[in-house]
C-alpha atoms as a PDB file:
ATOM      1  CA  MET A   1     -11.804  13.101  12.168  1.00  0.00           C
ATOM      2  CA  ASN A   2      -8.123  13.162  13.145  1.00  0.00           C
ATOM      3  CA  PHE A   3      -5.154  13.662  10.826  1.00  0.00           C
ATOM      4  CA  ASN A   4      -4.406   9.934  10.565  1.00  0.00           C
ATOM      5  CA  GLU A   5      -7.969   9.216   9.441  1.00  0.00           C
ATOM      6  CA  GLN A   6      -7.826  12.045   6.890  1.00  0.00           C
ATOM      7  CA  THR A   7      -4.577  10.809   5.334  1.00  0.00           C
ATOM      8  CA  MET A   8      -5.472   7.100   5.421  1.00  0.00           C
ATOM      9  CA  PRO A   9      -6.961   6.845   1.894  1.00  0.00           C
ATOM     10  CA  TYR A  10      -3.975   8.703   0.419  1.00  0.00           C
ATOM     11  CA  ARG A  11      -1.503   6.551   2.375  1.00  0.00           C
ATOM     12  CA  ARG A  12      -3.190   3.408   1.040  1.00  0.00           C
ATOM     13  CA  GLY A  13      -3.069   4.815  -2.494  1.00  0.00           C
ATOM     14  CA  ARG A  14       0.646   5.560  -2.096  1.00  0.00           C
ATOM     15  CA  ILE A  15       1.279   2.006  -0.894  1.00  0.00           C
ATOM     16  CA  LEU A  16      -0.351   0.666  -4.066  1.00  0.00           C
ATOM     17  CA  ALA A  17       1.583   3.123  -6.245  1.00  0.00           C
ATOM     18  CA  LEU A  18       4.884   2.092  -4.640  1.00  0.00           C
ATOM     19  CA  LEU A  19       4.123  -1.560  -5.263  1.00  0.00           C
ATOM     20  CA  LYS A  20       3.270  -0.794  -8.890  1.00  0.00           C
ATOM     21  CA  VAL A  21       6.752   0.591  -9.531  1.00  0.00           C
ATOM     22  CA  SER A  22       8.536  -2.161  -7.592  1.00  0.00           C
ATOM     23  CA  ASN A  23       9.787  -5.265  -9.345  1.00  0.00           C
ATOM     24  CA  GLU A  24       7.641  -8.382  -9.722  1.00  0.00           C
ATOM     25  CA  ASN A  25       8.851  -9.701  -6.356  1.00  0.00           C
ATOM     26  CA  GLY A  26       7.296  -6.716  -4.573  1.00  0.00           C
ATOM     27  CA  MET A  27       8.723  -5.098  -1.462  1.00  0.00           C
ATOM     28  CA  SER A  28       9.348  -6.225   2.084  1.00  0.00           C
ATOM     29  CA  GLY A  29       7.241  -4.610   4.775  1.00  0.00           C
ATOM     30  CA  PRO A  30      10.116  -2.623   6.324  1.00  0.00           C
ATOM     31  CA  LEU A  31      11.277  -1.312   2.941  1.00  0.00           C
ATOM     32  CA  LEU A  32       7.720  -0.410   1.932  1.00  0.00           C
ATOM     33  CA  ARG A  33       7.104   1.428   5.214  1.00  0.00           C
ATOM     34  CA  THR A  34      10.409   3.303   5.007  1.00  0.00           C
ATOM     35  CA  THR A  35       9.724   4.334   1.404  1.00  0.00           C
ATOM     36  CA  LEU A  36       6.208   5.402   2.360  1.00  0.00           C
ATOM     37  CA  GLN A  37       7.648   7.582   5.125  1.00  0.00           C
ATOM     38  CA  GLY A  38      10.009   9.122   2.584  1.00  0.00           C
ATOM     39  CA  PHE A  39       6.917  10.425   0.788  1.00  0.00           C
ATOM     40  CA  GLY A  40       5.769  12.085   4.021  1.00  0.00           C
ATOM     41  CA  TYR A  41       3.298   9.449   5.195  1.00  0.00           C
ATOM     42  CA  LYS A  42       4.498   8.963   8.759  1.00  0.00           C
ATOM     43  CA  CYS A  43       2.762   6.097  10.512  1.00  0.00           C
ATOM     44  CA  ASP A  44       3.484   3.718  13.340  1.00  0.00           C
ATOM     45  CA  ALA A  45       3.946  -0.001  12.772  1.00  0.00           C
ATOM     46  CA  ASP A  46       0.378  -0.833  13.859  1.00  0.00           C
ATOM     47  CA  THR A  47      -1.187   1.682  11.462  1.00  0.00           C
ATOM     48  CA  PHE A  48       0.961   0.366   8.613  1.00  0.00           C
ATOM     49  CA  ALA A  49      -0.042  -3.227   9.421  1.00  0.00           C
ATOM     50  CA  ILE A  50      -3.718  -2.221   9.481  1.00  0.00           C
ATOM     51  CA  ASP A  51      -3.369  -0.595   6.032  1.00  0.00           C
ATOM     52  CA  ILE A  52      -1.637  -3.670   4.587  1.00  0.00           C
ATOM     53  CA  ASP A  53      -4.305  -5.941   6.065  1.00  0.00           C
ATOM     54  CA  TRP A  54      -7.123  -3.706   4.746  1.00  0.00           C
ATOM     55  CA  LEU A  55      -5.632  -3.603   1.244  1.00  0.00           C
ATOM     56  CA  SER A  56      -5.146  -7.363   1.321  1.00  0.00           C
ATOM     57  CA  ARG A  57      -8.743  -8.023   2.447  1.00  0.00           C
ATOM     58  CA  HIS A  58      -9.964  -5.923  -0.471  1.00  0.00           C
ATOM     59  CA  GLY A  59      -7.886  -7.990  -2.900  1.00  0.00           C
ATOM     60  CA  LEU A  60      -5.521  -5.149  -3.833  1.00  0.00           C
ATOM     61  CA  LEU A  61      -2.295  -6.772  -2.685  1.00  0.00           C
ATOM     62  CA  ARG A  62      -1.006 -10.047  -1.352  1.00  0.00           C
ATOM     63  CA  SER A  63       1.808 -11.004   0.975  1.00  0.00           C
ATOM     64  CA  ARG A  64       3.916 -14.131   0.822  1.00  0.00           C
ATOM     65  CA  ASP A  65       6.934 -15.487   2.649  1.00  0.00           C
ATOM     66  CA  VAL A  66      10.170 -15.567   0.663  1.00  0.00           C
ATOM     67  CA  GLY A  67      13.038 -17.060   2.619  1.00  0.00           C
ATOM     68  CA  GLY A  68      11.677 -15.822   5.929  1.00  0.00           C
ATOM     69  CA  ILE A  69      10.933 -12.321   4.613  1.00  0.00           C
ATOM     70  CA  GLU A  70       7.341 -11.285   4.027  1.00  0.00           C
ATOM     71  CA  MET A  71       7.079  -9.757   0.556  1.00  0.00           C
ATOM     72  CA  THR A  72       4.076  -7.715  -0.542  1.00  0.00           C
ATOM     73  CA  THR A  73       3.010  -7.568  -4.188  1.00  0.00           C
ATOM     74  CA  LEU A  74       0.251  -5.834  -6.103  1.00  0.00           C
ATOM     75  CA  THR A  75      -2.649  -7.877  -7.475  1.00  0.00           C
ATOM     76  CA  GLN A  76      -4.297  -7.169 -10.826  1.00  0.00           C
ATOM     77  CA  ARG A  77      -7.178  -5.562  -8.940  1.00  0.00           C
ATOM     78  CA  GLY A  78      -4.681  -3.313  -7.134  1.00  0.00           C
ATOM     79  CA  ARG A  79      -3.052  -2.439 -10.460  1.00  0.00           C
ATOM     80  CA  ASP A  80      -6.495  -1.485 -11.796  1.00  0.00           C
ATOM     81  CA  VAL A  81      -6.911   0.934  -8.878  1.00  0.00           C
ATOM     82  CA  VAL A  82      -3.495   2.533  -9.445  1.00  0.00           C
ATOM     83  CA  THR A  83      -4.131   2.978 -13.170  1.00  0.00           C
ATOM     84  CA  GLY A  84      -7.531   4.549 -12.507  1.00  0.00           C
ATOM     85  CA  ASN A  85      -9.577   1.727 -14.033  1.00  0.00           C
ATOM     86  CA  LEU A  86     -11.224   0.880 -10.705  1.00  0.00           C
ATOM     87  CA  GLU A  87     -12.258   3.050  -7.758  1.00  0.00           C
ATOM     88  CA  ILE A  88     -12.340   1.631  -4.260  1.00  0.00           C
ATOM     89  CA  PRO A  89     -13.767   3.673  -1.367  1.00  0.00           C
ATOM     90  CA  GLY A  90     -10.969   4.130   1.154  1.00  0.00           C
ATOM     91  CA  VAL A  91      -8.199   4.527  -1.461  1.00  0.00           C
ATOM     92  CA  LYS A  92      -7.252   7.819  -3.074  1.00  0.00           C
ATOM     93  CA  LEU A  93      -4.418   8.510  -5.483  1.00  0.00           C
ATOM     94  CA  ILE A  94      -2.289  11.620  -5.798  1.00  0.00           C
ATOM     95  CA  GLU A  95      -0.754  12.422  -9.167  1.00  0.00           C
ATOM     96  CA  ASP A  96       3.000  12.992  -8.962  1.00  0.00           C
END
């Protein structure tokens, strides 16, 4: 297992945590990726897109177009994961 595969569940958990503290409109992809990198989760654009798609397929977030900008928001199911009320294999949280 390489480093990217080892950090993947934690990176996904951080994405959900960042969306939880964002406003109700969510975050744009570039802002979310930049903020994620600020927490030390370096990833290329393809890896980030795969994580967003995976989280979306599992009903943890949703993306929508707002004036030509794709905004990503947390679903209630995603909020349940971040608050510890639901565990999803492939997502791990780190307490700050």
